[in-house]
């Protein structure tokens, strides 16, 4: 059992939350899916309500996925997340191992980068999804469970394909 003292100590010394951090809501918008070689991926944009993702960045991200050799295969989803003024994550997730979500992460740091690049993943303890990205991830988890629980035929995969989320994050 975790003691109240241990909780208080971690809260005071290393909670993982910057004391200056102010949380706010973002938006999730579903866009047309993409189908790079060997996969079909639903598309989600995540952004602050007052700072949508510019069309040229979305087009750059979509073009990038069509040009780079992806290990991602099968069915899945993409999250293009605007993190601040000009930093973006492009997260490609596919369902592998029957019930596991696998990911490839690209990033673009504003005008300092002409294109998206593979995100470096050194170290043992790595970031995965933020609280905003988890909204479409949770929706996709539920949609995949519905597919896994179905006959897993063409009707079921079409239902999965059409099942997208838009709204608050």
Protein backbone atom coordinates (compact mmCIF):
# COMPACT_ATOMS: atom_id res chain seq x y z
CA UNK A 1 0.00 0.00 0.00
CA UNK A 2 1.32 3.44 -0.90
CA UNK A 3 1.61 5.74 2.05
CA UNK A 4 0.25 9.27 2.19
CA UNK A 5 3.81 10.36 2.99
CA UNK A 6 5.13 8.83 -0.24
CA UNK A 7 2.36 10.49 -2.28
CA UNK A 8 3.07 13.86 -0.65
CA UNK A 9 6.82 13.47 -1.22
CA UNK A 10 6.46 12.74 -4.94
CA UNK A 11 3.89 15.51 -5.31
CA UNK A 12 6.36 17.97 -3.75
CA UNK A 13 9.54 16.75 -5.49
CA UNK A 14 8.78 15.14 -8.86
CA UNK A 15 5.10 15.03 -9.85
CA UNK A 16 5.88 15.42 -13.54
CA UNK A 17 3.83 18.63 -13.72
CA UNK A 18 5.55 22.01 -14.12
CA UNK A 19 4.21 24.36 -11.42
CA UNK A 20 3.63 27.02 -14.12
CA UNK A 21 1.58 24.68 -16.34
CA UNK A 22 -1.99 25.81 -17.08
CA UNK A 23 -4.17 23.18 -18.70
CA UNK A 24 -6.69 24.07 -21.42
CA UNK A 25 -9.00 22.23 -23.80
CA UNK A 26 -8.14 21.43 -27.42
CA UNK A 27 -10.21 20.28 -30.39
CA UNK A 28 -10.16 17.03 -32.33
CA UNK A 29 -11.18 17.05 -35.98
CA UNK A 30 -11.42 13.99 -38.21
CA UNK A 31 -10.16 14.50 -41.76
CA UNK A 32 -10.07 12.23 -44.78
CA UNK A 33 -8.15 9.02 -44.09
CA UNK A 34 -4.85 8.18 -45.77
CA UNK A 35 -3.71 4.89 -47.26
CA UNK A 36 0.07 4.71 -47.47
CA UNK A 37 1.41 1.42 -48.81
CA UNK A 38 0.05 -1.49 -46.82
CA UNK A 39 -2.22 0.45 -44.45
CA UNK A 40 -5.47 2.35 -44.06
CA UNK A 41 -5.27 5.13 -41.47
CA UNK A 42 -8.01 7.37 -40.09
CA UNK A 43 -6.84 10.97 -39.64
CA UNK A 44 -7.25 13.15 -36.55
CA UNK A 45 -6.06 16.71 -36.10
CA UNK A 46 -5.62 17.93 -32.52
CA UNK A 47 -5.21 21.66 -31.93
CA UNK A 48 -6.08 24.61 -29.68
CA UNK A 49 -9.51 25.97 -30.68
CA UNK A 50 -8.04 29.36 -31.58
CA UNK A 51 -5.04 27.91 -33.46
CA UNK A 52 -6.13 25.34 -36.08
CA UNK A 53 -3.54 23.44 -38.07
CA UNK A 54 -2.78 25.27 -41.33
CA UNK A 55 -3.69 23.41 -44.51
CA UNK A 56 -0.09 23.55 -45.73
CA UNK A 57 1.11 21.69 -42.61
CA UNK A 58 -1.63 19.07 -42.99
CA UNK A 59 -0.72 18.65 -46.67
CA UNK A 60 2.98 18.39 -45.78
CA UNK A 61 2.20 15.68 -43.20
CA UNK A 62 0.01 13.73 -45.59
CA UNK A 63 2.64 13.97 -48.35
CA UNK A 64 5.33 12.85 -45.89
CA UNK A 65 3.43 9.65 -45.09
CA UNK A 66 3.18 8.90 -48.80
CA UNK A 67 6.93 9.37 -49.35
CA UNK A 68 8.66 7.72 -46.40
CA UNK A 69 8.87 3.94 -46.10
CA UNK A 70 6.63 3.08 -43.16
CA UNK A 71 6.85 -0.08 -41.09
CA UNK A 72 3.22 0.56 -40.11
CA UNK A 73 0.92 -1.95 -41.77
CA UNK A 74 -2.76 -2.78 -41.49
CA UNK A 75 -5.50 -0.67 -39.94
CA UNK A 76 -4.93 2.30 -37.69
CA UNK A 77 -5.00 6.05 -37.28
CA UNK A 78 -2.88 9.17 -37.51
CA UNK A 79 -2.83 12.06 -35.06
CA UNK A 80 -1.41 15.37 -36.28
CA UNK A 81 -1.07 17.41 -33.09
CA UNK A 82 -0.31 21.10 -32.97
CA UNK A 83 1.72 21.68 -29.82
CA UNK A 84 2.06 25.44 -29.49
CA UNK A 85 2.72 27.99 -32.21
CA UNK A 86 4.62 25.85 -34.68
CA UNK A 87 5.61 22.48 -33.23
CA UNK A 88 3.78 19.39 -34.49
CA UNK A 89 3.75 15.70 -33.73
CA UNK A 90 2.66 13.29 -36.46
CA UNK A 91 1.81 10.01 -34.74
CA UNK A 92 1.10 6.95 -36.88
CA UNK A 93 -0.59 4.14 -34.95
CA UNK A 94 -1.62 0.72 -36.21
CA UNK A 95 -3.25 -2.28 -34.61
CA UNK A 96 -0.76 -5.16 -34.41
CA UNK A 97 -0.60 -8.35 -32.38
CA UNK A 98 -4.43 -8.47 -32.54
CA UNK A 99 -4.98 -6.02 -29.69
CA UNK A 100 -1.90 -3.79 -29.44
CA UNK A 101 -1.43 -0.27 -30.74
CA UNK A 102 2.02 0.30 -32.28
CA UNK A 103 3.31 3.73 -33.15
CA UNK A 104 5.78 5.66 -35.25
CA UNK A 105 6.32 9.30 -34.29
CA UNK A 106 7.45 12.13 -36.54
CA UNK A 107 7.81 15.80 -35.64
CA UNK A 108 8.18 19.21 -37.24
CA UNK A 109 9.55 22.19 -35.36
CA UNK A 110 8.05 25.20 -37.12
CA UNK A 111 9.94 26.95 -39.89
CA UNK A 112 13.22 25.53 -38.58
CA UNK A 113 12.33 22.30 -40.43
CA UNK A 114 11.14 22.03 -44.03
CA UNK A 115 9.67 18.57 -43.50
CA UNK A 116 8.68 16.11 -40.82
CA UNK A 117 11.42 13.91 -39.34
CA UNK A 118 11.41 10.72 -37.32
CA UNK A 119 11.30 11.58 -33.64
CA UNK A 120 14.37 10.38 -31.72
CA UNK A 121 13.47 7.76 -29.12
CA UNK A 122 16.59 7.32 -26.99
CA UNK A 123 16.41 6.43 -23.33
CA UNK A 124 14.46 3.90 -21.35
CA UNK A 125 11.35 5.82 -20.25
CA UNK A 126 9.75 7.45 -23.30
CA UNK A 127 6.72 9.68 -23.84
CA UNK A 128 3.73 8.18 -25.60
CA UNK A 129 0.43 10.09 -25.76
CA UNK A 130 -0.51 13.36 -24.04
CA UNK A 131 -3.92 13.96 -22.46
CA UNK A 132 -5.28 15.53 -25.68
CA UNK A 133 -3.99 12.74 -27.95
CA UNK A 134 -5.57 10.18 -25.65
CA UNK A 135 -9.03 11.39 -26.68
CA UNK A 136 -8.86 10.03 -30.24
CA UNK A 137 -6.77 7.10 -28.97
CA UNK A 138 -9.55 6.18 -26.52
CA UNK A 139 -12.15 6.48 -29.28
CA UNK A 140 -10.05 4.25 -31.54
CA UNK A 141 -9.57 1.72 -28.74
CA UNK A 142 -13.34 1.46 -28.37
CA UNK A 143 -13.83 1.21 -32.15
CA UNK A 144 -11.20 -1.54 -32.38
CA UNK A 145 -12.81 -3.52 -29.56
CA UNK A 146 -16.12 -3.33 -31.44
CA UNK A 147 -14.33 -4.68 -34.53
CA UNK A 148 -12.57 -7.45 -32.55
CA UNK A 149 -15.93 -8.46 -31.05
CA UNK A 150 -17.60 -8.59 -34.47
CA UNK A 151 -17.54 -11.12 -37.28
CA UNK A 152 -14.41 -9.26 -38.53
CA UNK A 153 -15.74 -9.25 -42.05
CA UNK A 154 -16.03 -6.51 -44.68
CA UNK A 155 -19.16 -5.08 -43.04
CA UNK A 156 -17.35 -4.86 -39.70
CA UNK A 157 -14.22 -3.22 -41.10
CA UNK A 158 -16.37 -0.68 -42.98
CA UNK A 159 -18.14 0.12 -39.69
CA UNK A 160 -14.73 0.60 -38.03
CA UNK A 161 -13.57 2.78 -40.91
CA UNK A 162 -16.61 5.08 -40.65
CA UNK A 163 -16.42 5.35 -36.83
CA UNK A 164 -14.48 8.57 -36.09
CA UNK A 165 -14.48 11.15 -33.33
CA UNK A 166 -14.75 14.93 -33.50
CA UNK A 167 -15.11 17.25 -30.53
CA UNK A 168 -13.45 18.42 -27.38
CA UNK A 169 -10.23 17.08 -26.00
